[in-house]
Amino acid sequence: MRPGAVALAVSSLIVLGAGPPAHAPPLPARMADTGGGTQLITAVAPERSSTTGTVSWWDRGGDGRWVKRGSAPARFGANGLAAGASRKQGTSTTPTGLYGLPYAFGIKAAPRGTAYGYRRVHRDSWWCQDNDSRSYNRWSEPRAADCRAAEAEQLITYRAQYAHALVIGFNYERPVRGRGAGIFLHVNGRGATAGCVSVSEDAMRRILTWADPARRPHIAVGTTSGKTAVTRL
């Protein structure tokens, strides 16, 4: 999605519309599914109409306990959040759900210590969002012949946002046309995003040096309560 100025069951400890009790377990411990790995990123907004919230990253130790390793203010879609399973492309909403993180990329070099596979962005690097293309919701270098430029992002033109990024595996493994393409965790632009999650460049660099693909990190995107609550994932 074009970034920038587009400007499980609920735990019995949680009361709808209220935060967790002071001594509630860490957020990942209150989720039904964290992806099966020992690292997790949570991206949580107060409600579905919110355009800001918090991204946190967590490690699960050998004792099974989750420990927060960092946290940063986050931005979401200009039109808030929408359930990933029913989201529509072009709505400027961030899809909620639990997703893998296939690989990282960036216009700048990977921060020292990055373990993730990291693709450098070149002038011919595109992300195809053309529903009629065989390259739908995929990196294309050069741009695929059947992917219209008007329906694709030339990644290098977003120098601030794509300084560093992680691909969020929304609609990625078996893409459904019309659901959405190009959802990333990336660096902040001027304001709300067109569907991605964004954080400061410093936070993005810290996440990349923390994330270890061998530990199968996932990202959980949701709200604090309601049908799209992250605790329902």
C-alpha atoms as a PDB file:
ATOM      1  CA  MET A   1       0.000   0.000   0.000  1.00  0.00           C
ATOM      2  CA  ARG A   2       1.245   3.497  -0.774  1.00  0.00           C
ATOM      3  CA  PRO A   3       2.571   4.904   2.493  1.00  0.00           C
ATOM      4  CA  GLY A   4       2.997   8.438   3.603  1.00  0.00           C
ATOM      5  CA  ALA A   5       0.710  11.367   4.002  1.00  0.00           C
ATOM      6  CA  VAL A   6      -2.550   9.607   3.226  1.00  0.00           C
ATOM      7  CA  ALA A   7      -3.508  12.226   5.436  1.00  0.00           C
ATOM      8  CA  LEU A   8      -8.151 -15.761  21.195  1.00  0.00           C
ATOM      9  CA  ALA A   9     -10.731 -15.944  22.845  1.00  0.00           C
ATOM     10  CA  VAL A  10     -10.706 -12.911  25.083  1.00  0.00           C
ATOM     11  CA  SER A  11      -9.054 -13.526  28.423  1.00  0.00           C
ATOM     12  CA  SER A  12     -11.401 -13.466  31.387  1.00  0.00           C
ATOM     13  CA  LEU A  13      -8.999 -10.939  32.886  1.00  0.00           C
ATOM     14  CA  ILE A  14     -10.010  -8.318  30.332  1.00  0.00           C
ATOM     15  CA  VAL A  15     -13.142  -6.214  30.559  1.00  0.00           C
ATOM     16  CA  LEU A  16     -14.457  -4.999  27.200  1.00  0.00           C
ATOM     17  CA  GLY A  17     -13.441  -1.397  26.680  1.00  0.00           C
ATOM     18  CA  ALA A  18     -10.943  -1.404  29.555  1.00  0.00           C
ATOM     19  CA  GLY A  19      -7.262  -2.136  29.811  1.00  0.00           C
ATOM     20  CA  PRO A  20      -5.866  -5.234  31.533  1.00  0.00           C
ATOM     21  CA  PRO A  21      -5.564  -5.345  35.323  1.00  0.00           C
ATOM     22  CA  ALA A  22      -2.332  -4.069  36.800  1.00  0.00           C
ATOM     23  CA  HIS A  23      -0.963  -7.580  37.290  1.00  0.00           C
ATOM     24  CA  ALA A  24      -2.234  -9.121  34.060  1.00  0.00           C
ATOM     25  CA  PRO A  25       0.132 -11.469  32.194  1.00  0.00           C
ATOM     26  CA  PRO A  26       2.156 -10.000  29.299  1.00  0.00           C
ATOM     27  CA  LEU A  27       0.115  -9.367  26.168  1.00  0.00           C
ATOM     28  CA  PRO A  28       1.389 -12.410  24.199  1.00  0.00           C
ATOM     29  CA  ALA A  29       0.411 -14.673  27.114  1.00  0.00           C
ATOM     30  CA  ARG A  30      -3.183 -13.455  26.726  1.00  0.00           C
ATOM     31  CA  MET A  31      -3.351 -14.380  23.032  1.00  0.00           C
ATOM     32  CA  ALA A  32      -4.700 -17.673  21.731  1.00  0.00           C
ATOM     33  CA  ASP A  33      -2.021 -17.912  19.039  1.00  0.00           C
ATOM     34  CA  THR A  34       1.366 -16.224  18.667  1.00  0.00           C
ATOM     35  CA  GLY A  35       2.505 -18.111  15.580  1.00  0.00           C
ATOM     36  CA  GLY A  36       4.449 -20.865  17.309  1.00  0.00           C
ATOM     37  CA  GLY A  37       7.779 -19.062  17.457  1.00  0.00           C
ATOM     38  CA  THR A  38       9.696 -17.474  20.289  1.00  0.00           C
ATOM     39  CA  GLN A  39       9.550 -13.902  19.003  1.00  0.00           C
ATOM     40  CA  LEU A  40       6.503 -11.739  18.420  1.00  0.00           C
ATOM     41  CA  ILE A  41       5.720  -8.188  17.348  1.00  0.00           C
ATOM     42  CA  THR A  42       2.419  -6.692  18.505  1.00  0.00           C
ATOM     43  CA  ALA A  43       0.913  -3.674  16.754  1.00  0.00           C
ATOM     44  CA  VAL A  44      -2.043  -2.467  18.798  1.00  0.00           C
ATOM     45  CA  ALA A  45      -4.420   0.460  18.246  1.00  0.00           C
ATOM     46  CA  PRO A  46      -6.982   1.660  20.803  1.00  0.00           C
ATOM     47  CA  GLU A  47      -9.905   1.041  18.418  1.00  0.00           C
ATOM     48  CA  ARG A  48     -10.659   0.304  14.769  1.00  0.00           C
ATOM     49  CA  SER A  49     -10.895   3.967  13.793  1.00  0.00           C
ATOM     50  CA  SER A  50      -7.503   4.779  15.320  1.00  0.00           C
ATOM     51  CA  THR A  51      -4.568   5.864  13.187  1.00  0.00           C
ATOM     52  CA  THR A  52      -1.997   5.619  15.986  1.00  0.00           C
ATOM     53  CA  GLY A  53      -1.058   3.028  18.565  1.00  0.00           C
ATOM     54  CA  THR A  54       1.938   1.058  19.814  1.00  0.00           C
ATOM     55  CA  VAL A  55       4.317  -1.509  18.366  1.00  0.00           C
ATOM     56  CA  SER A  56       6.119  -3.754  20.860  1.00  0.00           C
ATOM     57  CA  TRP A  57       8.468  -6.664  20.350  1.00  0.00           C
ATOM     58  CA  TRP A  58       8.739  -9.668  22.613  1.00  0.00           C
ATOM     59  CA  ASP A  59      10.908 -12.711  23.339  1.00  0.00           C
ATOM     60  CA  ARG A  60       9.692 -15.967  24.853  1.00  0.00           C
ATOM     61  CA  GLY A  61      12.279 -17.521  27.150  1.00  0.00           C
ATOM     62  CA  GLY A  62      12.976 -21.163  27.902  1.00  0.00           C
ATOM     63  CA  ASP A  63      10.571 -20.953  30.821  1.00  0.00           C
ATOM     64  CA  GLY A  64       7.748 -19.984  28.434  1.00  0.00           C
ATOM     65  CA  ARG A  65       7.474 -16.446  29.737  1.00  0.00           C
ATOM     66  CA  TRP A  66       7.209 -13.515  27.346  1.00  0.00           C
ATOM     67  CA  VAL A  67       9.470 -10.506  27.948  1.00  0.00           C
ATOM     68  CA  LYS A  68       9.051  -7.151  26.212  1.00  0.00           C
ATOM     69  CA  ARG A  69      12.285  -6.104  24.502  1.00  0.00           C
ATOM     70  CA  GLY A  70      11.140  -2.777  23.123  1.00  0.00           C
ATOM     71  CA  SER A  71       8.212  -0.533  22.313  1.00  0.00           C
ATOM     72  CA  ALA A  72       7.545   2.464  20.074  1.00  0.00           C
ATOM     73  CA  PRO A  73       4.671   4.702  18.936  1.00  0.00           C
ATOM     74  CA  ALA A  74       3.115   3.422  15.710  1.00  0.00           C
ATOM     75  CA  ARG A  75       0.938   4.673  12.887  1.00  0.00           C
ATOM     76  CA  PHE A  76      -1.775   2.764  11.064  1.00  0.00           C
ATOM     77  CA  GLY A  77      -3.971   3.302   8.018  1.00  0.00           C
ATOM     78  CA  ALA A  78      -5.611   6.677   7.407  1.00  0.00           C
ATOM     79  CA  ASN A  79      -8.999   4.957   7.735  1.00  0.00           C
ATOM     80  CA  GLY A  80      -8.033   2.880  10.746  1.00  0.00           C
ATOM     81  CA  LEU A  81      -7.994  -0.911  10.897  1.00  0.00           C
ATOM     82  CA  ALA A  82     -10.119  -3.604   9.249  1.00  0.00           C
ATOM     83  CA  ALA A  83     -10.431  -7.358   9.740  1.00  0.00           C
ATOM     84  CA  GLY A  84      -7.844  -8.930   7.480  1.00  0.00           C
ATOM     85  CA  ALA A  85     -10.160 -11.659   6.199  1.00  0.00           C
ATOM     86  CA  SER A  86     -12.644  -9.161   4.769  1.00  0.00           C
ATOM     87  CA  ARG A  87     -10.454  -6.158   4.005  1.00  0.00           C
ATOM     88  CA  LYS A  88     -10.750  -4.472   0.600  1.00  0.00           C
ATOM     89  CA  GLN A  89      -7.866  -3.098  -1.425  1.00  0.00           C
ATOM     90  CA  GLY A  90      -7.652   0.677  -1.704  1.00  0.00           C
ATOM     91  CA  THR A  91      -9.454   1.402   1.566  1.00  0.00           C
ATOM     92  CA  SER A  92      -6.404   2.793   3.420  1.00  0.00           C
ATOM     93  CA  THR A  93      -7.052   0.402   6.299  1.00  0.00           C
ATOM     94  CA  THR A  94      -4.508  -1.711   8.143  1.00  0.00           C
ATOM     95  CA  PRO A  95      -5.466  -5.416   8.148  1.00  0.00           C
ATOM     96  CA  THR A  96      -5.784  -7.031  11.552  1.00  0.00           C
ATOM     97  CA  GLY A  97      -4.585 -10.574  12.125  1.00  0.00           C
ATOM     98  CA  LEU A  98      -1.525 -12.701  12.830  1.00  0.00           C
ATOM     99  CA  TYR A  99       1.043 -12.795  10.025  1.00  0.00           C
ATOM    100  CA  GLY A 100       4.476 -14.090   9.227  1.00  0.00           C
ATOM    101  CA  LEU A 101       7.323 -11.809   8.218  1.00  0.00           C
ATOM    102  CA  PRO A 102       8.795 -13.245   4.992  1.00  0.00           C
ATOM    103  CA  TYR A 103      11.798 -10.929   4.547  1.00  0.00           C
ATOM    104  CA  ALA A 104      13.183  -7.436   5.051  1.00  0.00           C
ATOM    105  CA  PHE A 105      14.150  -4.799   2.524  1.00  0.00           C
ATOM    106  CA  GLY A 106      15.344  -1.247   2.323  1.00  0.00           C
ATOM    107  CA  ILE A 107      16.800   1.617   0.375  1.00  0.00           C
ATOM    108  CA  LYS A 108      19.515   1.883   3.023  1.00  0.00           C
ATOM    109  CA  ALA A 109      21.824  -0.978   3.902  1.00  0.00           C
ATOM    110  CA  ALA A 110      20.666  -3.424   6.543  1.00  0.00           C
ATOM    111  CA  PRO A 111      21.536  -2.332  10.074  1.00  0.00           C
ATOM    112  CA  ARG A 112      24.601  -4.109  11.416  1.00  0.00           C
ATOM    113  CA  GLY A 113      23.521  -7.356  13.065  1.00  0.00           C
ATOM    114  CA  THR A 114      20.420  -7.925  10.901  1.00  0.00           C
ATOM    115  CA  ALA A 115      19.799 -11.683  10.585  1.00  0.00           C
ATOM    116  CA  TYR A 116      16.805 -11.486   8.245  1.00  0.00           C
ATOM    117  CA  GLY A 117      17.163 -11.903   4.506  1.00  0.00           C
ATOM    118  CA  TYR A 118      17.394  -8.292   3.325  1.00  0.00           C
ATOM    119  CA  ARG A 119      16.763  -7.056  -0.222  1.00  0.00           C
ATOM    120  CA  ARG A 120      18.248  -3.742  -1.274  1.00  0.00           C
ATOM    121  CA  VAL A 121      15.923  -1.462  -3.213  1.00  0.00           C
ATOM    122  CA  HIS A 122      17.116  -0.367  -6.657  1.00  0.00           C
ATOM    123  CA  ARG A 123      15.606   1.970  -9.245  1.00  0.00           C
ATOM    124  CA  ASP A 124      13.974  -1.020 -10.951  1.00  0.00           C
ATOM    125  CA  SER A 125      12.451  -2.434  -7.741  1.00  0.00           C
ATOM    126  CA  TRP A 126       8.636  -2.452  -7.754  1.00  0.00           C
ATOM    127  CA  TRP A 127       5.852  -3.939  -5.653  1.00  0.00           C
ATOM    128  CA  CYS A 128       2.994  -5.064  -7.870  1.00  0.00           C
ATOM    129  CA  GLN A 129      -0.568  -4.274  -6.748  1.00  0.00           C
ATOM    130  CA  ASP A 130      -2.203  -4.964 -10.109  1.00  0.00           C
ATOM    131  CA  ASN A 131      -5.036  -7.452  -9.574  1.00  0.00           C
ATOM    132  CA  ASP A 132      -4.668  -8.679 -13.151  1.00  0.00           C
ATOM    133  CA  SER A 133      -0.956  -9.424 -12.875  1.00  0.00           C
ATOM    134  CA  ARG A 134       0.664 -12.767 -12.154  1.00  0.00           C
ATOM    135  CA  SER A 135       3.018 -10.785  -9.905  1.00  0.00           C
ATOM    136  CA  TYR A 136       0.203  -9.477  -7.686  1.00  0.00           C
ATOM    137  CA  ASN A 137       1.461  -8.725  -4.169  1.00  0.00           C
ATOM    138  CA  ARG A 138       5.042  -9.541  -5.052  1.00  0.00           C
ATOM    139  CA  TRP A 139       8.352  -7.750  -5.452  1.00  0.00           C
ATOM    140  CA  SER A 140       9.040  -7.344  -9.163  1.00  0.00           C
ATOM    141  CA  GLU A 141      12.460  -6.354 -10.493  1.00  0.00           C
ATOM    142  CA  PRO A 142      12.153  -5.075 -13.127  1.00  0.00           C
ATOM    143  CA  ARG A 143       8.411  -4.391 -13.142  1.00  0.00           C
ATOM    144  CA  ALA A 144       6.565  -7.316 -14.714  1.00  0.00           C
ATOM    145  CA  ALA A 145       5.227  -6.690 -18.208  1.00  0.00           C
ATOM    146  CA  ASP A 146       1.672  -7.484 -17.090  1.00  0.00           C
ATOM    147  CA  CYS A 147       1.863  -5.187 -14.026  1.00  0.00           C
ATOM    148  CA  ARG A 148       0.726  -1.662 -14.840  1.00  0.00           C
ATOM    149  CA  ALA A 149       2.908   1.102 -13.424  1.00  0.00           C
ATOM    150  CA  ALA A 150      -0.200   2.894 -12.168  1.00  0.00           C
ATOM    151  CA  GLU A 151      -0.989  -0.220 -10.115  1.00  0.00           C
ATOM    152  CA  ALA A 152       2.468  -0.691  -8.633  1.00  0.00           C
ATOM    153  CA  GLU A 153       4.873   1.045  -6.257  1.00  0.00           C
ATOM    154  CA  GLN A 154       8.328   2.032  -7.424  1.00  0.00           C
ATOM    155  CA  LEU A 155       9.878   1.399  -4.033  1.00  0.00           C
ATOM    156  CA  ILE A 156      12.782   3.802  -4.334  1.00  0.00           C
ATOM    157  CA  THR A 157      10.427   6.790  -4.577  1.00  0.00           C
ATOM    158  CA  TYR A 158       9.517   6.341  -0.891  1.00  0.00           C
ATOM    159  CA  ARG A 159      12.941   7.197   0.461  1.00  0.00           C
ATOM    160  CA  ALA A 160      11.893   7.879   4.042  1.00  0.00           C
ATOM    161  CA  GLN A 161       9.349   5.098   4.465  1.00  0.00           C
ATOM    162  CA  TYR A 162      11.340   2.353   2.791  1.00  0.00           C
ATOM    163  CA  ALA A 163      14.700   3.190   4.311  1.00  0.00           C
ATOM    164  CA  HIS A 164      14.069  -0.088   6.167  1.00  0.00           C
ATOM    165  CA  ALA A 165      11.026  -2.369   6.126  1.00  0.00           C
ATOM    166  CA  LEU A 166       9.719  -5.843   6.899  1.00  0.00           C
ATOM    167  CA  VAL A 167       7.198  -7.503   4.600  1.00  0.00           C
ATOM    168  CA  ILE A 168       4.028  -8.407   6.521  1.00  0.00           C
ATOM    169  CA  GLY A 169       2.642 -11.675   5.205  1.00  0.00           C
ATOM    170  CA  PHE A 170      -0.907 -10.373   4.742  1.00  0.00           C
ATOM    171  CA  ASN A 171      -2.524 -11.882   1.627  1.00  0.00           C
ATOM    172  CA  TYR A 172       0.891 -13.181   0.668  1.00  0.00           C
ATOM    173  CA  GLU A 173       1.009 -16.972   0.537  1.00  0.00           C
ATOM    174  CA  ARG A 174      -2.154 -17.419  -1.551  1.00  0.00           C
ATOM    175  CA  PRO A 175      -3.089 -13.897  -2.657  1.00  0.00           C
ATOM    176  CA  VAL A 176      -6.789 -13.090  -3.008  1.00  0.00           C
ATOM    177  CA  ARG A 177      -7.314 -10.483  -5.687  1.00  0.00           C
ATOM    178  CA  GLY A 178      -8.897  -7.307  -4.357  1.00  0.00           C
ATOM    179  CA  ARG A 179      -7.951  -7.930  -0.730  1.00  0.00           C
ATOM    180  CA  GLY A 180      -4.798  -5.868  -0.725  1.00  0.00           C
ATOM    181  CA  ALA A 181      -1.109  -5.847  -1.531  1.00  0.00           C
ATOM    182  CA  GLY A 182       2.060  -4.299  -0.212  1.00  0.00           C
ATOM    183  CA  ILE A 183       1.491  -4.296   3.541  1.00  0.00           C
ATOM    184  CA  PHE A 184       4.726  -3.629   5.395  1.00  0.00           C
ATOM    185  CA  LEU A 185       6.177  -2.604   8.738  1.00  0.00           C
ATOM    186  CA  HIS A 186       8.228   0.415   7.704  1.00  0.00           C
ATOM    187  CA  VAL A 187       9.584   3.806   8.723  1.00  0.00           C
ATOM    188  CA  ASN A 188       7.197   6.693   9.391  1.00  0.00           C
ATOM    189  CA  GLY A 189       6.243   9.093   6.633  1.00  0.00           C
ATOM    190  CA  ARG A 190       4.461  12.383   7.228  1.00  0.00           C
ATOM    191  CA  GLY A 191       1.322  10.927   8.788  1.00  0.00           C
ATOM    192  CA  ALA A 192      -1.006   7.946   8.735  1.00  0.00           C
ATOM    193  CA  THR A 193      -0.275   5.186   6.224  1.00  0.00           C
ATOM    194  CA  ALA A 194      -2.315   3.718   3.379  1.00  0.00           C
ATOM    195  CA  GLY A 195      -2.568   0.395   5.220  1.00  0.00           C
ATOM    196  CA  CYS A 196       0.895  -0.397   6.527  1.00  0.00           C
ATOM    197  CA  VAL A 197       2.214  -0.130  10.089  1.00  0.00           C
ATOM    198  CA  SER A 198       4.965   2.432  10.597  1.00  0.00           C
ATOM    199  CA  VAL A 199       7.384   3.386  13.359  1.00  0.00           C
ATOM    200  CA  SER A 200      10.370   5.712  13.691  1.00  0.00           C
ATOM    201  CA  GLU A 201      13.546   4.837  11.816  1.00  0.00           C
ATOM    202  CA  ASP A 202      15.323   4.200  15.101  1.00  0.00           C
ATOM    203  CA  ALA A 203      12.625   1.736  16.163  1.00  0.00           C
ATOM    204  CA  MET A 204      12.717   0.029  12.760  1.00  0.00           C
ATOM    205  CA  ARG A 205      16.459  -0.443  13.027  1.00  0.00           C
ATOM    206  CA  ARG A 206      16.122  -1.855  16.542  1.00  0.00           C
ATOM    207  CA  ILE A 207      13.470  -4.306  15.358  1.00  0.00           C
ATOM    208  CA  LEU A 208      15.664  -5.494  12.486  1.00  0.00           C
ATOM    209  CA  THR A 209      18.661  -6.120  14.720  1.00  0.00           C
ATOM    210  CA  TRP A 210      16.436  -7.949  17.220  1.00  0.00           C
ATOM    211  CA  ALA A 211      14.437 -10.143  14.834  1.00  0.00           C
ATOM    212  CA  ASP A 212      15.817 -13.638  14.255  1.00  0.00           C
ATOM    213  CA  PRO A 213      14.149 -15.683  11.482  1.00  0.00           C
ATOM    214  CA  ALA A 214      15.305 -18.886  13.196  1.00  0.00           C
ATOM    215  CA  ARG A 215      12.950 -17.970  16.040  1.00  0.00           C
ATOM    216  CA  ARG A 216       9.962 -17.645  13.674  1.00  0.00           C
ATOM    217  CA  PRO A 217       8.767 -14.141  14.558  1.00  0.00           C
ATOM    218  CA  HIS A 218       5.228 -13.105  13.637  1.00  0.00           C
ATOM    219  CA  ILE A 219       3.351  -9.835  13.843  1.00  0.00           C
ATOM    220  CA  ALA A 220      -0.061  -9.543  15.504  1.00  0.00           C
ATOM    221  CA  VAL A 221      -2.077  -6.506  14.435  1.00  0.00           C
ATOM    222  CA  GLY A 222      -5.254  -5.592  16.277  1.00  0.00           C
ATOM    223  CA  THR A 223      -7.105  -3.394  18.723  1.00  0.00           C
ATOM    224  CA  THR A 224      -7.228  -3.378  22.507  1.00  0.00           C
ATOM    225  CA  SER A 225     -10.790  -4.731  22.591  1.00  0.00           C
ATOM    226  CA  GLY A 226     -13.755  -5.744  20.456  1.00  0.00           C
ATOM    227  CA  LYS A 227     -13.941  -8.151  17.506  1.00  0.00           C
ATOM    228  CA  THR A 228     -10.509  -7.148  16.237  1.00  0.00           C
ATOM    229  CA  ALA A 229      -8.808  -7.300  19.657  1.00  0.00           C
ATOM    230  CA  VAL A 230      -5.286  -8.638  19.475  1.00  0.00           C
ATOM    231  CA  THR A 231      -6.150 -10.911  22.416  1.00  0.00           C
ATOM    232  CA  ARG A 232      -8.600 -12.739  20.127  1.00  0.00           C
ATOM    233  CA  LEU A 233      -5.840 -13.790  17.722  1.00  0.00           C
END
